[in-house]
Amino acid sequence: MYKKTGKSKVVEKEEQVMSVAANLERPCTILESIIQSCKEVKNMREGKTPKRSLNDLFANIEKWSKEEER
C-alpha cells in the first residue's frame, strides 16, 4: 500500500542532489570508514598504536584549521 509522505517533488529533488554531492565529497563509504575506525581502536587496545584522547583530537583540529588558513 502506498503511503503519502507529504514531501513535495522539489524537496525530494533537493535531497537527491545533496545526497549525490555528499557522495562526491566523501573519500570512502560510511562502511569503509567504520571498519577503519574499528581497526584503529583494535590496534590501540593491542598497543600497536598510541592511544589518543579527545583532547588530542581537539588539538589536531586546531592545528589543521591553522594550517588551512595559510
N, C-alpha and C. Protein backbone atom coordinates (compact mmCIF):
# COMPACT_ATOMS: atom_id res chain seq x y z
N MET A 1 0.85 -1.17 0.00
CA MET A 1 0.00 0.00 0.00
C MET A 1 0.89 1.24 0.00
N TYR A 2 0.54 2.22 -0.79
CA TYR A 2 1.30 3.45 -0.93
C TYR A 2 0.93 4.41 0.19
N LYS A 3 1.93 4.95 0.85
CA LYS A 3 1.71 5.90 1.93
C LYS A 3 2.29 7.25 1.51
N LYS A 4 1.49 8.27 1.53
CA LYS A 4 1.95 9.59 1.13
C LYS A 4 2.78 10.20 2.26
N THR A 5 3.97 10.69 1.91
CA THR A 5 4.86 11.23 2.92
C THR A 5 4.66 12.72 3.14
N GLY A 6 4.02 13.39 2.19
CA GLY A 6 3.79 14.81 2.34
C GLY A 6 4.94 15.66 1.82
N LYS A 7 5.98 15.05 1.28
CA LYS A 7 7.11 15.80 0.73
C LYS A 7 6.78 16.21 -0.70
N SER A 8 7.19 17.41 -1.04
CA SER A 8 6.98 17.85 -2.40
C SER A 8 8.09 17.31 -3.29
N LYS A 9 7.85 17.37 -4.59
CA LYS A 9 8.86 16.89 -5.53
C LYS A 9 10.11 17.76 -5.48
N VAL A 10 9.96 19.04 -5.16
CA VAL A 10 11.11 19.95 -5.06
C VAL A 10 12.01 19.52 -3.90
N VAL A 11 11.40 19.21 -2.76
CA VAL A 11 12.17 18.77 -1.59
C VAL A 11 12.87 17.46 -1.89
N GLU A 12 12.18 16.53 -2.54
CA GLU A 12 12.79 15.24 -2.87
C GLU A 12 13.96 15.43 -3.82
N LYS A 13 13.83 16.34 -4.78
CA LYS A 13 14.91 16.60 -5.73
C LYS A 13 16.12 17.22 -5.01
N GLU A 14 15.87 18.16 -4.08
CA GLU A 14 16.95 18.77 -3.32
C GLU A 14 17.69 17.73 -2.47
N GLU A 15 16.94 16.82 -1.85
CA GLU A 15 17.55 15.77 -1.05
C GLU A 15 18.41 14.86 -1.92
N GLN A 16 17.94 14.57 -3.13
CA GLN A 16 18.71 13.72 -4.04
C GLN A 16 20.00 14.42 -4.45
N VAL A 17 19.93 15.71 -4.76
CA VAL A 17 21.12 16.47 -5.15
C VAL A 17 22.11 16.52 -3.99
N MET A 18 21.62 16.74 -2.76
CA MET A 18 22.50 16.79 -1.60
C MET A 18 23.16 15.44 -1.38
N SER A 19 22.43 14.37 -1.59
CA SER A 19 22.98 13.03 -1.41
C SER A 19 24.09 12.76 -2.42
N VAL A 20 23.87 13.15 -3.65
CA VAL A 20 24.88 12.97 -4.69
C VAL A 20 26.12 13.79 -4.36
N ALA A 21 25.92 15.04 -3.92
CA ALA A 21 27.06 15.90 -3.57
C ALA A 21 27.84 15.31 -2.41
N ALA A 22 27.16 14.78 -1.42
CA ALA A 22 27.84 14.18 -0.27
C ALA A 22 28.66 12.98 -0.71
N ASN A 23 28.15 12.18 -1.63
CA ASN A 23 28.89 11.02 -2.11
C ASN A 23 30.13 11.43 -2.90
N LEU A 24 30.07 12.55 -3.61
CA LEU A 24 31.22 13.01 -4.37
C LEU A 24 32.33 13.52 -3.45
N GLU A 25 31.96 14.12 -2.33
CA GLU A 25 32.93 14.68 -1.40
C GLU A 25 33.53 13.62 -0.49
N ARG A 26 32.83 12.55 -0.26
CA ARG A 26 33.26 11.52 0.68
C ARG A 26 34.36 10.67 0.06
N PRO A 27 35.53 10.58 0.70
CA PRO A 27 36.63 9.81 0.13
C PRO A 27 36.41 8.29 0.20
N CYS A 28 35.55 7.86 1.10
CA CYS A 28 35.24 6.44 1.21
C CYS A 28 33.79 6.30 1.67
N THR A 29 33.29 5.09 1.65
CA THR A 29 31.91 4.87 2.08
C THR A 29 31.84 4.90 3.60
N ILE A 30 30.65 5.02 4.11
CA ILE A 30 30.46 5.03 5.56
C ILE A 30 30.92 3.69 6.15
N LEU A 31 30.61 2.60 5.47
CA LEU A 31 31.02 1.28 5.94
C LEU A 31 32.54 1.18 6.02
N GLU A 32 33.23 1.66 4.98
CA GLU A 32 34.69 1.60 4.99
C GLU A 32 35.27 2.45 6.13
N SER A 33 34.65 3.58 6.39
CA SER A 33 35.10 4.45 7.48
C SER A 33 34.94 3.77 8.84
N ILE A 34 33.81 3.12 9.04
CA ILE A 34 33.55 2.43 10.30
C ILE A 34 34.53 1.28 10.49
N ILE A 35 34.78 0.52 9.42
CA ILE A 35 35.73 -0.60 9.51
C ILE A 35 37.11 -0.08 9.85
N GLN A 36 37.54 1.02 9.22
CA GLN A 36 38.86 1.59 9.51
C GLN A 36 38.93 2.05 10.97
N SER A 37 37.87 2.68 11.47
CA SER A 37 37.85 3.13 12.86
C SER A 37 37.96 1.95 13.83
N CYS A 38 37.26 0.88 13.52
CA CYS A 38 37.32 -0.32 14.38
C CYS A 38 38.73 -0.91 14.39
N LYS A 39 39.38 -0.91 13.22
CA LYS A 39 40.75 -1.41 13.16
C LYS A 39 41.69 -0.54 14.00
N GLU A 40 41.49 0.78 13.93
CA GLU A 40 42.32 1.69 14.72
C GLU A 40 42.14 1.46 16.22
N VAL A 41 40.89 1.28 16.65
CA VAL A 41 40.62 1.04 18.07
C VAL A 41 41.25 -0.29 18.51
N LYS A 42 41.12 -1.31 17.67
CA LYS A 42 41.71 -2.61 17.98
C LYS A 42 43.23 -2.49 18.15
N ASN A 43 43.87 -1.77 17.22
CA ASN A 43 45.32 -1.57 17.31
C ASN A 43 45.71 -0.79 18.56
N MET A 44 44.91 0.17 18.96
CA MET A 44 45.18 0.93 20.19
C MET A 44 45.07 0.02 21.40
N ARG A 45 44.07 -0.82 21.43
CA ARG A 45 43.87 -1.73 22.57
C ARG A 45 44.99 -2.76 22.66
N GLU A 46 45.52 -3.16 21.51
CA GLU A 46 46.61 -4.14 21.49
C GLU A 46 47.97 -3.48 21.69
N GLY A 47 48.00 -2.15 21.77
CA GLY A 47 49.24 -1.43 21.99
C GLY A 47 50.09 -1.24 20.75
N LYS A 48 49.52 -1.50 19.58
CA LYS A 48 50.27 -1.34 18.33
C LYS A 48 50.36 0.12 17.90
N THR A 49 49.40 0.92 18.31
CA THR A 49 49.44 2.36 18.04
C THR A 49 49.17 3.08 19.35
N PRO A 50 49.70 4.30 19.49
CA PRO A 50 49.46 5.03 20.74
C PRO A 50 48.00 5.42 20.89
N LYS A 51 47.53 5.40 22.13
CA LYS A 51 46.15 5.80 22.40
C LYS A 51 46.02 7.30 22.25
N ARG A 52 44.87 7.74 21.78
CA ARG A 52 44.59 9.16 21.61
C ARG A 52 43.38 9.53 22.44
N SER A 53 43.40 10.74 22.95
CA SER A 53 42.29 11.20 23.77
C SER A 53 41.49 12.24 23.00
N LEU A 54 40.38 12.64 23.56
CA LEU A 54 39.55 13.67 22.96
C LEU A 54 40.30 14.99 22.90
N ASN A 55 41.11 15.26 23.90
CA ASN A 55 41.93 16.49 23.90
C ASN A 55 42.92 16.47 22.75
N ASP A 56 43.48 15.30 22.43
CA ASP A 56 44.38 15.19 21.29
C ASP A 56 43.64 15.52 19.99
N LEU A 57 42.42 15.05 19.88
CA LEU A 57 41.62 15.32 18.70
C LEU A 57 41.38 16.82 18.54
N PHE A 58 41.00 17.49 19.63
CA PHE A 58 40.74 18.93 19.56
C PHE A 58 42.02 19.69 19.20
N ALA A 59 43.14 19.26 19.74
CA ALA A 59 44.41 19.91 19.43
C ALA A 59 44.74 19.74 17.94
N ASN A 60 44.51 18.56 17.42
CA ASN A 60 44.76 18.32 15.99
C ASN A 60 43.83 19.15 15.12
N ILE A 61 42.58 19.27 15.51
CA ILE A 61 41.63 20.07 14.73
C ILE A 61 42.08 21.52 14.68
N GLU A 62 42.52 22.05 15.81
CA GLU A 62 43.02 23.43 15.83
C GLU A 62 44.24 23.57 14.94
N LYS A 63 45.14 22.60 15.01
CA LYS A 63 46.36 22.62 14.19
C LYS A 63 46.00 22.58 12.70
N TRP A 64 45.09 21.70 12.33
CA TRP A 64 44.70 21.58 10.92
C TRP A 64 44.02 22.84 10.41
N SER A 65 43.18 23.45 11.25
CA SER A 65 42.50 24.67 10.81
C SER A 65 43.48 25.81 10.61
N LYS A 66 44.51 25.89 11.46
CA LYS A 66 45.54 26.92 11.31
C LYS A 66 46.35 26.69 10.03
N GLU A 67 46.63 25.43 9.71
CA GLU A 67 47.39 25.10 8.50
C GLU A 67 46.61 25.45 7.24
N GLU A 68 45.27 25.26 7.29
CA GLU A 68 44.44 25.56 6.12
C GLU A 68 44.31 27.05 5.89
N GLU A 69 44.45 27.85 6.94
CA GLU A 69 44.35 29.30 6.80
C GLU A 69 45.52 29.89 6.04
N ARG A 70 46.65 29.20 6.04
CA ARG A 70 47.85 29.70 5.37
C ARG A 70 47.74 29.65 3.90
